[in-house]
């Protein structure tokens, strides 16, 4: 019997089309070099325990690099536990403008959606 091995590659983060367009627009309008990738992470703080980080940064030790819809994304390996499966969207409305996070790992979130607990 022959054993077949299949490598399944899954991006840890989903970017909606609105998020992709916003990221590309921000990069172009601020003339951000291709040496900087989009960093998605978490940090302690916020009203629920952790808050999201998103911005452009250089590759650092411990980072994993992903190509998600043509955008180079950095995520520190220790953050994957909190972020795996998250969907990032861009909201454009009267009361809310910016990135929104739909995190299946969050047990609770604050009212504004910028912090969470696991």
N, C-alpha and C. Protein backbone atom coordinates (compact mmCIF):
# COMPACT_ATOMS: atom_id res chain seq x y z
N UNK A 1 0.84 -1.17 0.00
CA UNK A 1 0.00 0.00 0.00
C UNK A 1 0.89 1.24 0.00
N UNK A 2 0.57 2.20 -0.84
CA UNK A 2 1.32 3.43 -0.94
C UNK A 2 0.67 4.50 -0.08
N UNK A 3 1.48 5.17 0.71
CA UNK A 3 0.97 6.24 1.56
C UNK A 3 1.05 7.56 0.80
N UNK A 4 -0.01 8.31 0.82
CA UNK A 4 -0.07 9.60 0.14
C UNK A 4 -0.11 10.68 1.19
N UNK A 5 0.76 11.64 1.04
CA UNK A 5 0.81 12.76 1.98
C UNK A 5 0.40 14.02 1.24
N UNK A 6 -0.51 14.75 1.81
CA UNK A 6 -0.97 16.00 1.21
C UNK A 6 -0.71 17.13 2.19
N UNK A 7 -0.06 18.17 1.72
CA UNK A 7 0.19 19.33 2.55
C UNK A 7 -0.96 20.30 2.35
N UNK A 8 -1.62 20.63 3.45
CA UNK A 8 -2.72 21.58 3.39
C UNK A 8 -2.20 22.90 3.92
N UNK A 9 -2.33 23.93 3.12
CA UNK A 9 -1.89 25.25 3.53
C UNK A 9 -3.11 26.13 3.71
N UNK A 10 -3.23 26.70 4.89
CA UNK A 10 -4.38 27.55 5.18
C UNK A 10 -3.87 28.88 5.73
N UNK A 11 -4.33 29.95 5.14
CA UNK A 11 -3.96 31.25 5.67
C UNK A 11 -4.61 31.43 7.04
N UNK A 12 -3.87 31.95 7.99
CA UNK A 12 -4.41 32.10 9.34
C UNK A 12 -5.43 33.24 9.44
N UNK A 13 -5.42 34.12 8.46
CA UNK A 13 -6.25 35.32 8.49
C UNK A 13 -6.97 35.45 7.16
N UNK A 14 -8.22 35.90 7.21
CA UNK A 14 -8.96 36.21 5.99
C UNK A 14 -9.11 37.72 5.89
N UNK A 15 -8.77 38.25 4.75
CA UNK A 15 -8.98 39.68 4.46
C UNK A 15 -10.12 39.79 3.47
N UNK A 16 -11.14 40.56 3.82
CA UNK A 16 -12.24 40.78 2.88
C UNK A 16 -11.75 41.67 1.75
N UNK A 17 -12.53 41.73 0.68
CA UNK A 17 -12.16 42.59 -0.44
C UNK A 17 -12.06 44.05 0.00
N UNK A 18 -12.95 44.46 0.89
CA UNK A 18 -12.89 45.84 1.40
C UNK A 18 -11.60 46.11 2.16
N UNK A 19 -11.15 45.13 2.96
CA UNK A 19 -9.90 45.28 3.71
C UNK A 19 -8.71 45.33 2.76
N UNK A 20 -8.70 44.47 1.73
CA UNK A 20 -7.61 44.46 0.75
C UNK A 20 -7.52 45.81 0.06
N UNK A 21 -8.64 46.34 -0.36
CA UNK A 21 -8.64 47.65 -1.04
C UNK A 21 -8.15 48.75 -0.10
N UNK A 22 -8.59 48.73 1.16
CA UNK A 22 -8.17 49.75 2.13
C UNK A 22 -6.67 49.66 2.39
N UNK A 23 -6.15 48.45 2.54
CA UNK A 23 -4.72 48.26 2.80
C UNK A 23 -3.90 48.78 1.63
N UNK A 24 -4.31 48.46 0.42
CA UNK A 24 -3.59 48.94 -0.76
C UNK A 24 -3.67 50.46 -0.87
N UNK A 25 -4.82 51.02 -0.55
CA UNK A 25 -4.99 52.47 -0.60
C UNK A 25 -4.11 53.17 0.44
N UNK A 26 -4.08 52.63 1.65
CA UNK A 26 -3.24 53.21 2.71
C UNK A 26 -1.77 53.14 2.31
N UNK A 27 -1.35 51.98 1.78
CA UNK A 27 0.05 51.83 1.36
C UNK A 27 0.41 52.87 0.29
N UNK A 28 -0.47 53.06 -0.69
CA UNK A 28 -0.20 53.99 -1.79
C UNK A 28 -0.23 55.44 -1.30
N UNK A 29 -1.22 55.80 -0.49
CA UNK A 29 -1.37 57.19 -0.07
C UNK A 29 -0.26 57.63 0.89
N UNK A 30 0.31 56.68 1.63
CA UNK A 30 1.38 57.02 2.57
C UNK A 30 2.76 56.65 2.02
N UNK A 31 2.79 56.21 0.75
CA UNK A 31 4.04 55.87 0.06
C UNK A 31 4.90 54.92 0.91
N UNK A 32 4.29 53.82 1.36
CA UNK A 32 4.96 52.84 2.21
C UNK A 32 5.75 51.88 1.33
N UNK A 33 7.01 51.73 1.64
CA UNK A 33 7.93 50.88 0.88
C UNK A 33 7.50 49.42 0.90
N UNK A 34 7.85 48.70 -0.17
CA UNK A 34 7.58 47.27 -0.24
C UNK A 34 8.38 46.48 0.80
N UNK A 35 9.37 47.11 1.43
CA UNK A 35 10.15 46.45 2.49
C UNK A 35 9.31 46.26 3.75
N UNK A 36 8.19 46.96 3.83
CA UNK A 36 7.29 46.86 4.98
C UNK A 36 6.09 46.00 4.61
N UNK A 37 5.79 45.04 5.46
CA UNK A 37 4.66 44.14 5.27
C UNK A 37 3.57 44.53 6.25
N UNK A 38 2.38 44.03 6.01
CA UNK A 38 1.27 44.28 6.92
C UNK A 38 1.42 43.37 8.14
N UNK A 39 1.53 43.96 9.31
CA UNK A 39 1.63 43.18 10.56
C UNK A 39 0.27 43.12 11.22
N UNK A 40 -0.13 41.90 11.56
CA UNK A 40 -1.37 41.68 12.31
C UNK A 40 -0.96 41.00 13.61
N UNK A 41 -1.39 41.57 14.73
CA UNK A 41 -0.99 41.02 16.02
C UNK A 41 -1.95 41.40 17.12
N UNK A 42 -1.55 41.04 18.32
CA UNK A 42 -2.30 41.39 19.52
C UNK A 42 -1.34 41.93 20.55
N UNK A 43 -1.87 42.68 21.49
CA UNK A 43 -1.09 43.13 22.63
C UNK A 43 -2.01 43.14 23.84
N UNK A 44 -1.43 43.01 25.00
CA UNK A 44 -2.20 43.07 26.22
C UNK A 44 -2.76 44.46 26.42
N UNK A 45 -4.00 44.54 26.86
CA UNK A 45 -4.61 45.84 27.11
C UNK A 45 -6.01 45.90 26.54
N UNK A 46 -6.59 47.04 26.61
CA UNK A 46 -7.97 47.20 26.18
C UNK A 46 -8.91 46.78 27.28
N UNK A 47 -10.16 47.03 27.11
CA UNK A 47 -11.12 46.75 28.18
C UNK A 47 -11.45 45.27 28.32
N UNK A 48 -11.05 44.43 27.34
CA UNK A 48 -11.37 43.00 27.44
C UNK A 48 -10.14 42.11 27.62
N UNK A 49 -8.93 42.66 27.66
CA UNK A 49 -7.74 41.86 27.90
C UNK A 49 -6.69 41.94 26.82
N UNK A 50 -7.10 41.83 25.56
CA UNK A 50 -6.18 41.95 24.42
C UNK A 50 -6.75 42.96 23.45
N UNK A 51 -5.86 43.66 22.75
CA UNK A 51 -6.33 44.54 21.68
C UNK A 51 -5.58 44.17 20.40
N UNK A 52 -6.21 44.44 19.29
CA UNK A 52 -5.65 44.10 17.98
C UNK A 52 -4.62 45.15 17.56
N UNK A 53 -3.61 44.69 16.84
CA UNK A 53 -2.63 45.57 16.22
C UNK A 53 -2.64 45.30 14.72
N UNK A 54 -2.63 46.36 13.95
CA UNK A 54 -2.55 46.22 12.50
C UNK A 54 -1.79 47.44 11.98
N UNK A 55 -0.80 47.20 11.16
CA UNK A 55 0.01 48.29 10.63
C UNK A 55 1.13 47.72 9.79
N UNK A 56 1.97 48.57 9.25
CA UNK A 56 3.07 48.15 8.40
C UNK A 56 4.35 48.08 9.21
N UNK A 57 5.15 47.03 8.96
CA UNK A 57 6.34 46.80 9.75
C UNK A 57 7.34 45.97 8.94
N UNK A 58 8.58 45.95 9.41
CA UNK A 58 9.60 45.09 8.82
C UNK A 58 9.56 43.72 9.48
N UNK A 59 10.10 42.73 8.79
CA UNK A 59 10.16 41.37 9.30
C UNK A 59 11.04 41.35 10.55
N UNK A 60 10.56 40.65 11.59
CA UNK A 60 11.29 40.53 12.84
C UNK A 60 11.47 39.05 13.17
N UNK A 61 12.38 38.76 14.06
CA UNK A 61 12.61 37.38 14.48
C UNK A 61 11.33 36.81 15.09
N UNK A 62 10.99 35.58 14.70
CA UNK A 62 9.79 34.93 15.22
C UNK A 62 8.56 35.16 14.37
N UNK A 63 8.69 35.93 13.29
CA UNK A 63 7.55 36.21 12.41
C UNK A 63 7.32 35.06 11.43
N UNK A 64 6.06 34.84 11.14
CA UNK A 64 5.67 34.01 10.01
C UNK A 64 5.19 34.97 8.93
N UNK A 65 5.47 34.65 7.67
CA UNK A 65 5.10 35.50 6.56
C UNK A 65 4.10 34.76 5.68
N UNK A 66 3.01 35.43 5.34
CA UNK A 66 1.97 34.85 4.50
C UNK A 66 1.70 35.79 3.34
N UNK A 67 1.28 35.23 2.23
CA UNK A 67 0.81 36.02 1.10
C UNK A 67 -0.69 35.81 1.03
N UNK A 68 -1.44 36.82 1.43
CA UNK A 68 -2.89 36.73 1.47
C UNK A 68 -3.45 37.72 0.46
N UNK A 69 -3.99 37.20 -0.60
CA UNK A 69 -4.57 38.00 -1.68
C UNK A 69 -3.59 39.05 -2.20
N UNK A 70 -2.32 38.66 -2.33
CA UNK A 70 -1.31 39.56 -2.86
C UNK A 70 -0.72 40.51 -1.84
N UNK A 71 -1.11 40.40 -0.60
CA UNK A 71 -0.59 41.26 0.46
C UNK A 71 0.32 40.41 1.35
N UNK A 72 1.55 40.86 1.53
CA UNK A 72 2.48 40.17 2.42
C UNK A 72 2.10 40.51 3.86
N UNK A 73 1.77 39.47 4.63
CA UNK A 73 1.29 39.63 6.00
C UNK A 73 2.28 39.00 6.96
N UNK A 74 2.61 39.74 8.02
CA UNK A 74 3.47 39.26 9.10
C UNK A 74 2.61 38.95 10.31
N UNK A 75 2.95 37.85 10.97
CA UNK A 75 2.31 37.54 12.25
C UNK A 75 3.35 36.83 13.11
N UNK A 76 3.56 37.34 14.31
CA UNK A 76 4.48 36.65 15.21
C UNK A 76 3.86 35.32 15.59
N UNK A 77 4.68 34.29 15.64
CA UNK A 77 4.19 32.93 15.87
C UNK A 77 3.36 32.82 17.15
N UNK A 78 3.70 33.58 18.17
CA UNK A 78 2.95 33.48 19.43
C UNK A 78 1.56 34.10 19.35
N UNK A 79 1.30 34.91 18.34
CA UNK A 79 0.00 35.56 18.20
C UNK A 79 -1.01 34.68 17.47
N UNK A 80 -0.52 33.66 16.78
CA UNK A 80 -1.41 32.80 15.99
C UNK A 80 -2.50 32.15 16.83
N UNK A 81 -2.19 31.82 18.06
CA UNK A 81 -3.17 31.21 18.96
C UNK A 81 -4.41 32.09 19.12
N UNK A 82 -4.20 33.40 19.16
CA UNK A 82 -5.30 34.34 19.36
C UNK A 82 -5.96 34.77 18.05
N UNK A 83 -5.25 34.61 16.94
CA UNK A 83 -5.73 35.20 15.68
C UNK A 83 -6.11 34.20 14.60
N UNK A 84 -5.78 32.93 14.76
CA UNK A 84 -6.06 31.97 13.70
C UNK A 84 -7.55 31.92 13.39
N UNK A 85 -7.90 32.12 12.14
CA UNK A 85 -9.29 32.09 11.70
C UNK A 85 -9.98 33.44 11.68
N UNK A 86 -9.29 34.49 12.09
CA UNK A 86 -9.90 35.83 12.15
C UNK A 86 -10.19 36.36 10.75
N UNK A 87 -11.28 37.09 10.63
CA UNK A 87 -11.61 37.79 9.39
C UNK A 87 -11.49 39.29 9.67
N UNK A 88 -10.74 39.97 8.81
CA UNK A 88 -10.56 41.42 8.94
C UNK A 88 -11.29 42.08 7.79
N UNK A 89 -12.10 43.05 8.12
CA UNK A 89 -12.91 43.77 7.14
C UNK A 89 -12.64 45.26 7.30
N UNK A 90 -13.05 46.03 6.32
CA UNK A 90 -12.98 47.49 6.38
C UNK A 90 -14.39 48.03 6.42
N UNK A 91 -14.69 48.85 7.40
CA UNK A 91 -16.01 49.46 7.54
C UNK A 91 -15.93 50.93 7.17
N UNK A 92 -16.90 51.36 6.42
CA UNK A 92 -16.97 52.76 5.99
C UNK A 92 -18.39 53.23 6.24
N UNK A 93 -18.61 53.90 7.36
CA UNK A 93 -19.96 54.33 7.68
C UNK A 93 -19.96 55.64 8.45
N UNK A 94 -21.14 56.10 8.78
CA UNK A 94 -21.26 57.36 9.50
C UNK A 94 -20.71 57.26 10.92
N UNK A 95 -20.94 56.15 11.59
CA UNK A 95 -20.50 56.04 12.97
C UNK A 95 -19.22 55.21 13.14
N UNK A 96 -18.76 54.56 12.07
CA UNK A 96 -17.60 53.70 12.21
C UNK A 96 -16.83 53.67 10.90
N UNK A 97 -15.54 53.97 10.97
CA UNK A 97 -14.67 53.90 9.81
C UNK A 97 -13.36 53.27 10.25
N UNK A 98 -13.02 52.15 9.66
CA UNK A 98 -11.76 51.49 10.00
C UNK A 98 -11.90 49.98 9.89
N UNK A 99 -10.88 49.31 10.38
CA UNK A 99 -10.86 47.86 10.31
C UNK A 99 -11.74 47.27 11.40
N UNK A 100 -12.43 46.19 11.06
CA UNK A 100 -13.21 45.45 12.05
C UNK A 100 -12.70 44.02 12.06
N UNK A 101 -12.83 43.37 13.20
CA UNK A 101 -12.25 42.05 13.42
C UNK A 101 -13.34 41.08 13.85
N UNK A 102 -13.47 40.00 13.09
CA UNK A 102 -14.40 38.93 13.45
C UNK A 102 -13.53 37.74 13.86
N UNK A 103 -13.38 37.57 15.18
CA UNK A 103 -12.43 36.60 15.71
C UNK A 103 -13.16 35.42 16.35
N UNK A 104 -13.09 34.23 15.73
CA UNK A 104 -13.77 33.07 16.29
C UNK A 104 -13.17 32.59 17.61
N UNK A 105 -11.97 33.05 17.95
CA UNK A 105 -11.30 32.65 19.19
C UNK A 105 -11.69 33.51 20.38
N UNK A 106 -12.36 34.62 20.12
CA UNK A 106 -12.71 35.54 21.20
C UNK A 106 -13.92 35.02 21.97
N UNK A 107 -13.77 34.92 23.28
CA UNK A 107 -14.90 34.52 24.12
C UNK A 107 -15.78 35.72 24.43
N UNK A 108 -15.17 36.89 24.47
CA UNK A 108 -15.93 38.13 24.66
C UNK A 108 -15.18 39.27 23.99
N UNK A 109 -15.92 40.29 23.60
CA UNK A 109 -15.32 41.48 23.00
C UNK A 109 -15.90 42.71 23.66
N UNK A 110 -15.18 43.82 23.55
CA UNK A 110 -15.70 45.06 24.09
C UNK A 110 -16.74 45.63 23.12
N UNK A 111 -17.42 46.65 23.54
CA UNK A 111 -18.49 47.24 22.71
C UNK A 111 -17.99 47.78 21.39
N UNK A 112 -16.79 48.31 21.35
CA UNK A 112 -16.28 48.88 20.11
C UNK A 112 -15.61 47.84 19.21
N UNK A 113 -15.37 46.63 19.74
CA UNK A 113 -14.80 45.55 18.94
C UNK A 113 -13.30 45.61 18.75
N UNK A 114 -12.62 46.51 19.47
CA UNK A 114 -11.17 46.62 19.29
C UNK A 114 -10.39 45.82 20.32
N UNK A 115 -11.06 45.22 21.30
CA UNK A 115 -10.37 44.35 22.24
C UNK A 115 -11.21 43.12 22.53
N UNK A 116 -10.55 42.08 23.05
CA UNK A 116 -11.24 40.80 23.23
C UNK A 116 -10.55 40.01 24.33
N UNK A 117 -11.19 38.94 24.77
CA UNK A 117 -10.59 37.99 25.70
C UNK A 117 -10.77 36.59 25.14
N UNK A 118 -9.85 35.69 25.52
CA UNK A 118 -9.92 34.31 25.06
C UNK A 118 -10.10 33.36 26.21
